[in-house]
PDB file of all heavy atoms in Angstrom:
ATOM      1  N   LEU A   1      29.568  12.974 -56.816  1.00  0.00           N
ATOM      2  CA  LEU A   1      29.846  12.358 -55.517  1.00  0.00           C
ATOM      3  C   LEU A   1      28.589  12.224 -54.658  1.00  0.00           C
ATOM      4  O   LEU A   1      28.534  11.391 -53.766  1.00  0.00           O
ATOM      5  CB  LEU A   1      30.910  13.178 -54.777  1.00  0.00           C
ATOM      6  CG  LEU A   1      31.480  12.604 -53.505  1.00  0.00           C
ATOM      7  CD1 LEU A   1      32.159  11.267 -53.782  1.00  0.00           C
ATOM      8  CD2 LEU A   1      32.474  13.558 -52.891  1.00  0.00           C
ATOM      9  N   MET A   2      27.570  13.008 -54.962  1.00  0.00           N
ATOM     10  CA  MET A   2      26.313  13.060 -54.206  1.00  0.00           C
ATOM     11  C   MET A   2      26.569  13.166 -52.699  1.00  0.00           C
ATOM     12  O   MET A   2      26.296  12.238 -51.941  1.00  0.00           O
ATOM     13  CB  MET A   2      25.436  11.856 -54.518  1.00  0.00           C
ATOM     14  CG  MET A   2      24.903  11.873 -55.923  1.00  0.00           C
ATOM     15  SD  MET A   2      23.666  10.623 -56.233  1.00  0.00           S
ATOM     16  CE  MET A   2      24.599   9.123 -56.089  1.00  0.00           C
ATOM     17  N   PRO A   3      27.110  14.299 -52.231  1.00  0.00           N
ATOM     18  CA  PRO A   3      27.458  14.423 -50.818  1.00  0.00           C
ATOM     19  C   PRO A   3      26.262  14.347 -49.884  1.00  0.00           C
ATOM     20  O   PRO A   3      26.417  13.973 -48.726  1.00  0.00           O
ATOM     21  CB  PRO A   3      28.136  15.790 -50.733  1.00  0.00           C
ATOM     22  CG  PRO A   3      27.639  16.543 -51.904  1.00  0.00           C
ATOM     23  CD  PRO A   3      27.398  15.520 -52.974  1.00  0.00           C
ATOM     24  N   GLU A   4      25.079  14.657 -50.362  1.00  0.00           N
ATOM     25  CA  GLU A   4      23.909  14.572 -49.493  1.00  0.00           C
ATOM     26  C   GLU A   4      23.633  13.129 -49.071  1.00  0.00           C
ATOM     27  O   GLU A   4      23.022  12.885 -48.036  1.00  0.00           O
ATOM     28  CB  GLU A   4      22.677  15.186 -50.156  1.00  0.00           C
ATOM     29  CG  GLU A   4      22.317  14.624 -51.499  1.00  0.00           C
ATOM     30  CD  GLU A   4      23.039  15.270 -52.682  1.00  0.00           C
ATOM     31  OE1 GLU A   4      23.864  16.162 -52.469  1.00  0.00           O
ATOM     32  OE2 GLU A   4      22.763  14.854 -53.810  1.00  0.00           O
ATOM     33  N   ILE A   5      24.104  12.156 -49.827  1.00  0.00           N
ATOM     34  CA  ILE A   5      23.959  10.740 -49.467  1.00  0.00           C
ATOM     35  C   ILE A   5      25.266  10.184 -48.931  1.00  0.00           C
ATOM     36  O   ILE A   5      25.299   9.554 -47.879  1.00  0.00           O
ATOM     37  CB  ILE A   5      23.490   9.917 -50.682  1.00  0.00           C
ATOM     38  CG1 ILE A   5      22.091  10.363 -51.099  1.00  0.00           C
ATOM     39  CG2 ILE A   5      23.513   8.428 -50.374  1.00  0.00           C
ATOM     40  CD1 ILE A   5      21.611   9.758 -52.390  1.00  0.00           C
ATOM     41  N   SER A   6      26.353  10.428 -49.662  1.00  0.00           N
ATOM     42  CA  SER A   6      27.627   9.789 -49.302  1.00  0.00           C
ATOM     43  C   SER A   6      28.174  10.283 -47.962  1.00  0.00           C
ATOM     44  O   SER A   6      28.706   9.495 -47.189  1.00  0.00           O
ATOM     45  CB  SER A   6      28.659  10.006 -50.413  1.00  0.00           C
ATOM     46  OG  SER A   6      28.931  11.377 -50.579  1.00  0.00           O
ATOM     47  N   ILE A   7      28.035  11.543 -47.655  1.00  0.00           N
ATOM     48  CA  ILE A   7      28.547  12.054 -46.383  1.00  0.00           C
ATOM     49  C   ILE A   7      27.610  11.646 -45.248  1.00  0.00           C
ATOM     50  O   ILE A   7      28.053  11.247 -44.179  1.00  0.00           O
ATOM     51  CB  ILE A   7      28.724  13.581 -46.432  1.00  0.00           C
ATOM     52  CG1 ILE A   7      29.852  13.917 -47.391  1.00  0.00           C
ATOM     53  CG2 ILE A   7      29.005  14.148 -45.056  1.00  0.00           C
ATOM     54  CD1 ILE A   7      30.034  15.368 -47.645  1.00  0.00           C
ATOM     55  N   THR A   8      26.316  11.722 -45.491  1.00  0.00           N
ATOM     56  CA  THR A   8      25.351  11.423 -44.444  1.00  0.00           C
ATOM     57  C   THR A   8      25.423   9.967 -43.998  1.00  0.00           C
ATOM     58  O   THR A   8      25.375   9.681 -42.806  1.00  0.00           O
ATOM     59  CB  THR A   8      23.928  11.733 -44.932  1.00  0.00           C
ATOM     60  OG1 THR A   8      23.885  13.082 -45.369  1.00  0.00           O
ATOM     61  CG2 THR A   8      22.918  11.527 -43.835  1.00  0.00           C
ATOM     62  N   TYR A   9      25.557   9.047 -44.915  1.00  0.00           N
ATOM     63  CA  TYR A   9      25.488   7.632 -44.563  1.00  0.00           C
ATOM     64  C   TYR A   9      26.836   6.922 -44.672  1.00  0.00           C
ATOM     65  O   TYR A   9      27.297   6.300 -43.720  1.00  0.00           O
ATOM     66  CB  TYR A   9      24.466   6.917 -45.447  1.00  0.00           C
ATOM     67  CG  TYR A   9      23.078   7.492 -45.304  1.00  0.00           C
ATOM     68  CD1 TYR A   9      22.512   8.243 -46.307  1.00  0.00           C
ATOM     69  CD2 TYR A   9      22.359   7.299 -44.132  1.00  0.00           C
ATOM     70  CE1 TYR A   9      21.242   8.782 -46.160  1.00  0.00           C
ATOM     71  CE2 TYR A   9      21.088   7.826 -43.980  1.00  0.00           C
ATOM     72  CZ  TYR A   9      20.540   8.568 -45.000  1.00  0.00           C
ATOM     73  OH  TYR A   9      19.291   9.106 -44.853  1.00  0.00           O
ATOM     74  N   VAL A  10      27.460   7.008 -45.824  1.00  0.00           N
ATOM     75  CA  VAL A  10      28.669   6.225 -46.083  1.00  0.00           C
ATOM     76  C   VAL A  10      29.845   6.709 -45.245  1.00  0.00           C
ATOM     77  O   VAL A  10      30.527   5.912 -44.596  1.00  0.00           O
ATOM     78  CB  VAL A  10      29.008   6.248 -47.590  1.00  0.00           C
ATOM     79  CG1 VAL A  10      30.275   5.474 -47.860  1.00  0.00           C
ATOM     80  CG2 VAL A  10      27.858   5.699 -48.403  1.00  0.00           C
ATOM     81  N   ALA A  11      30.098   7.999 -45.224  1.00  0.00           N
ATOM     82  CA  ALA A  11      31.266   8.519 -44.506  1.00  0.00           C
ATOM     83  C   ALA A  11      31.132   8.313 -43.003  1.00  0.00           C
ATOM     84  O   ALA A  11      32.097   7.906 -42.348  1.00  0.00           O
ATOM     85  CB  ALA A  11      31.461   9.999 -44.826  1.00  0.00           C
ATOM     86  N   VAL A  12      29.969   8.565 -42.449  1.00  0.00           N
ATOM     87  CA  VAL A  12      29.778   8.380 -41.011  1.00  0.00           C
ATOM     88  C   VAL A  12      29.919   6.904 -40.641  1.00  0.00           C
ATOM     89  O   VAL A  12      30.565   6.556 -39.650  1.00  0.00           O
ATOM     90  CB  VAL A  12      28.407   8.937 -40.565  1.00  0.00           C
ATOM     91  CG1 VAL A  12      28.115   8.594 -39.132  1.00  0.00           C
ATOM     92  CG2 VAL A  12      28.362  10.443 -40.783  1.00  0.00           C
ATOM     93  N   SER A  13      29.360   6.017 -41.448  1.00  0.00           N
ATOM     94  CA  SER A  13      29.500   4.582 -41.197  1.00  0.00           C
ATOM     95  C   SER A  13      30.957   4.147 -41.276  1.00  0.00           C
ATOM     96  O   SER A  13      31.413   3.340 -40.457  1.00  0.00           O
ATOM     97  CB  SER A  13      28.674   3.785 -42.206  1.00  0.00           C
ATOM     98  OG  SER A  13      27.319   4.113 -42.102  1.00  0.00           O
ATOM     99  N   ALA A  14      31.691   4.654 -42.254  1.00  0.00           N
ATOM    100  CA  ALA A  14      33.106   4.298 -42.395  1.00  0.00           C
ATOM    101  C   ALA A  14      33.923   4.780 -41.201  1.00  0.00           C
ATOM    102  O   ALA A  14      34.831   4.078 -40.733  1.00  0.00           O
ATOM    103  CB  ALA A  14      33.662   4.882 -43.696  1.00  0.00           C
ATOM    104  N   ILE A  15      33.611   5.951 -40.697  1.00  0.00           N
ATOM    105  CA  ILE A  15      34.340   6.481 -39.536  1.00  0.00           C
ATOM    106  C   ILE A  15      34.102   5.599 -38.310  1.00  0.00           C
ATOM    107  O   ILE A  15      35.045   5.230 -37.605  1.00  0.00           O
ATOM    108  CB  ILE A  15      33.925   7.939 -39.259  1.00  0.00           C
ATOM    109  CG1 ILE A  15      34.488   8.853 -40.347  1.00  0.00           C
ATOM    110  CG2 ILE A  15      34.390   8.390 -37.880  1.00  0.00           C
ATOM    111  CD1 ILE A  15      33.925  10.248 -40.333  1.00  0.00           C
ATOM    112  N   PHE A  16      32.844   5.224 -38.052  1.00  0.00           N
ATOM    113  CA  PHE A  16      32.563   4.369 -36.904  1.00  0.00           C
ATOM    114  C   PHE A  16      33.153   2.973 -37.087  1.00  0.00           C
ATOM    115  O   PHE A  16      33.637   2.368 -36.136  1.00  0.00           O
ATOM    116  CB  PHE A  16      31.062   4.295 -36.638  1.00  0.00           C
ATOM    117  CG  PHE A  16      30.556   5.466 -35.854  1.00  0.00           C
ATOM    118  CD1 PHE A  16      29.873   6.489 -36.475  1.00  0.00           C
ATOM    119  CD2 PHE A  16      30.784   5.542 -34.491  1.00  0.00           C
ATOM    120  CE1 PHE A  16      29.404   7.569 -35.756  1.00  0.00           C
ATOM    121  CE2 PHE A  16      30.323   6.625 -33.752  1.00  0.00           C
ATOM    122  CZ  PHE A  16      29.636   7.636 -34.394  1.00  0.00           C
ATOM    123  N   PHE A  17      33.125   2.452 -38.306  1.00  0.00           N
ATOM    124  CA  PHE A  17      33.712   1.135 -38.571  1.00  0.00           C
ATOM    125  C   PHE A  17      35.211   1.161 -38.329  1.00  0.00           C
ATOM    126  O   PHE A  17      35.772   0.264 -37.695  1.00  0.00           O
ATOM    127  CB  PHE A  17      33.402   0.700 -40.006  1.00  0.00           C
ATOM    128  CG  PHE A  17      33.950  -0.646 -40.350  1.00  0.00           C
ATOM    129  CD1 PHE A  17      33.375  -1.788 -39.824  1.00  0.00           C
ATOM    130  CD2 PHE A  17      35.033  -0.765 -41.199  1.00  0.00           C
ATOM    131  CE1 PHE A  17      33.874  -3.042 -40.145  1.00  0.00           C
ATOM    132  CE2 PHE A  17      35.543  -2.012 -41.517  1.00  0.00           C
ATOM    133  CZ  PHE A  17      34.963  -3.152 -40.990  1.00  0.00           C
ATOM    134  N   ASN A  18      35.872   2.207 -38.818  1.00  0.00           N
ATOM    135  CA  ASN A  18      37.319   2.349 -38.614  1.00  0.00           C
ATOM    136  C   ASN A  18      37.649   2.498 -37.134  1.00  0.00           C
ATOM    137  O   ASN A  18      38.636   1.940 -36.655  1.00  0.00           O
ATOM    138  CB  ASN A  18      37.844   3.541 -39.413  1.00  0.00           C
ATOM    139  CG  ASN A  18      39.335   3.565 -39.499  1.00  0.00           C
ATOM    140  OD1 ASN A  18      39.990   2.541 -39.359  1.00  0.00           O
ATOM    141  ND2 ASN A  18      39.885   4.741 -39.741  1.00  0.00           N
ATOM    142  N   SER A  19      36.836   3.213 -36.398  1.00  0.00           N
ATOM    143  CA  SER A  19      37.050   3.349 -34.958  1.00  0.00           C
ATOM    144  C   SER A  19      36.886   2.005 -34.252  1.00  0.00           C
ATOM    145  O   SER A  19      37.635   1.683 -33.338  1.00  0.00           O
ATOM    146  CB  SER A  19      36.067   4.345 -34.359  1.00  0.00           C
ATOM    147  OG  SER A  19      36.289   5.623 -34.882  1.00  0.00           O
ATOM    148  N   GLY A  20      35.927   1.229 -34.674  1.00  0.00           N
ATOM    149  CA  GLY A  20      35.722  -0.087 -34.091  1.00  0.00           C
ATOM    150  C   GLY A  20      36.870  -1.032 -34.361  1.00  0.00           C
ATOM    151  O   GLY A  20      37.232  -1.858 -33.523  1.00  0.00           O
ATOM    152  N   LEU A  21      37.471  -0.920 -35.539  1.00  0.00           N
ATOM    153  CA  LEU A  21      38.614  -1.771 -35.867  1.00  0.00           C
ATOM    154  C   LEU A  21      39.832  -1.442 -35.019  1.00  0.00           C
ATOM    155  O   LEU A  21      40.676  -2.309 -34.792  1.00  0.00           O
ATOM    156  CB  LEU A  21      38.975  -1.639 -37.347  1.00  0.00           C
ATOM    157  CG  LEU A  21      38.013  -2.261 -38.338  1.00  0.00           C
ATOM    158  CD1 LEU A  21      38.500  -2.000 -39.752  1.00  0.00           C
ATOM    159  CD2 LEU A  21      37.862  -3.747 -38.096  1.00  0.00           C
ATOM    160  N   SER A  22      39.917  -0.224 -34.559  1.00  0.00           N
ATOM    161  CA  SER A  22      41.096   0.174 -33.784  1.00  0.00           C
ATOM    162  C   SER A  22      40.976  -0.160 -32.298  1.00  0.00           C
ATOM    163  O   SER A  22      41.914   0.067 -31.552  1.00  0.00           O
ATOM    164  CB  SER A  22      41.352   1.674 -33.957  1.00  0.00           C
ATOM    165  OG  SER A  22      40.305   2.410 -33.371  1.00  0.00           O
ATOM    166  N   LEU A  23      39.839  -0.706 -31.856  1.00  0.00           N
ATOM    167  CA  LEU A  23      39.703  -1.093 -30.454  1.00  0.00           C
ATOM    168  C   LEU A  23      40.636  -2.258 -30.129  1.00  0.00           C
ATOM    169  O   LEU A  23      40.798  -3.166 -30.926  1.00  0.00           O
ATOM    170  CB  LEU A  23      38.269  -1.521 -30.147  1.00  0.00           C
ATOM    171  CG  LEU A  23      37.223  -0.435 -30.067  1.00  0.00           C
ATOM    172  CD1 LEU A  23      35.851  -1.066 -29.858  1.00  0.00           C
ATOM    173  CD2 LEU A  23      37.533   0.531 -28.953  1.00  0.00           C
ATOM    174  N   LYS A  24      41.204  -2.222 -28.974  1.00  0.00           N
ATOM    175  CA  LYS A  24      42.049  -3.318 -28.528  1.00  0.00           C
ATOM    176  C   LYS A  24      41.183  -4.505 -28.127  1.00  0.00           C
ATOM    177  O   LYS A  24      40.086  -4.333 -27.611  1.00  0.00           O
ATOM    178  CB  LYS A  24      42.912  -2.878 -27.357  1.00  0.00           C
ATOM    179  CG  LYS A  24      43.881  -1.776 -27.711  1.00  0.00           C
ATOM    180  CD  LYS A  24      44.864  -1.579 -26.586  1.00  0.00           C
ATOM    181  CE  LYS A  24      45.790  -0.436 -26.834  1.00  0.00           C
ATOM    182  NZ  LYS A  24      46.447  -0.393 -28.081  1.00  0.00           N
ATOM    183  N   THR A  25      41.680  -5.705 -28.361  1.00  0.00           N
ATOM    184  CA  THR A  25      40.879  -6.888 -28.058  1.00  0.00           C
ATOM    185  C   THR A  25      40.701  -7.080 -26.560  1.00  0.00           C
ATOM    186  O   THR A  25      39.731  -7.693 -26.137  1.00  0.00           O
ATOM    187  CB  THR A  25      41.522  -8.144 -28.666  1.00  0.00           C
ATOM    188  OG1 THR A  25      42.872  -8.246 -28.216  1.00  0.00           O
ATOM    189  CG2 THR A  25      41.488  -8.081 -30.171  1.00  0.00           C
ATOM    190  N   GLU A  26      41.612  -6.546 -25.749  1.00  0.00           N
ATOM    191  CA  GLU A  26      41.449  -6.657 -24.304  1.00  0.00           C
ATOM    192  C   GLU A  26      40.237  -5.864 -23.834  1.00  0.00           C
ATOM    193  O   GLU A  26      39.616  -6.186 -22.836  1.00  0.00           O
ATOM    194  CB  GLU A  26      42.681  -6.138 -23.544  1.00  0.00           C
ATOM    195  CG  GLU A  26      43.972  -6.820 -23.888  1.00  0.00           C
ATOM    196  CD  GLU A  26      44.712  -6.129 -25.014  1.00  0.00           C
ATOM    197  OE1 GLU A  26      44.785  -4.887 -25.001  1.00  0.00           O
ATOM    198  OE2 GLU A  26      45.195  -6.826 -25.899  1.00  0.00           O
ATOM    199  N   PHE A  27      39.919  -4.793 -24.550  1.00  0.00           N
ATOM    200  CA  PHE A  27      38.798  -3.945 -24.173  1.00  0.00           C
ATOM    201  C   PHE A  27      37.461  -4.622 -24.476  1.00  0.00           C
ATOM    202  O   PHE A  27      36.472  -4.377 -23.815  1.00  0.00           O
ATOM    203  CB  PHE A  27      38.898  -2.606 -24.906  1.00  0.00           C
ATOM    204  CG  PHE A  27      37.832  -1.637 -24.510  1.00  0.00           C
ATOM    205  CD1 PHE A  27      37.831  -1.068 -23.246  1.00  0.00           C
ATOM    206  CD2 PHE A  27      36.832  -1.290 -25.394  1.00  0.00           C
ATOM    207  CE1 PHE A  27      36.843  -0.178 -22.878  1.00  0.00           C
ATOM    208  CE2 PHE A  27      35.844  -0.407 -25.031  1.00  0.00           C
ATOM    209  CZ  PHE A  27      35.850   0.155 -23.766  1.00  0.00           C
TER     210      PHE A  27
END
């Protein structure tokens, strides 16, 4: 899984991307 790469870059990016998708369009 190479957590030193996947957690540092991929997981953090996915979390922020998912948070951005959940923003309401009015905001």
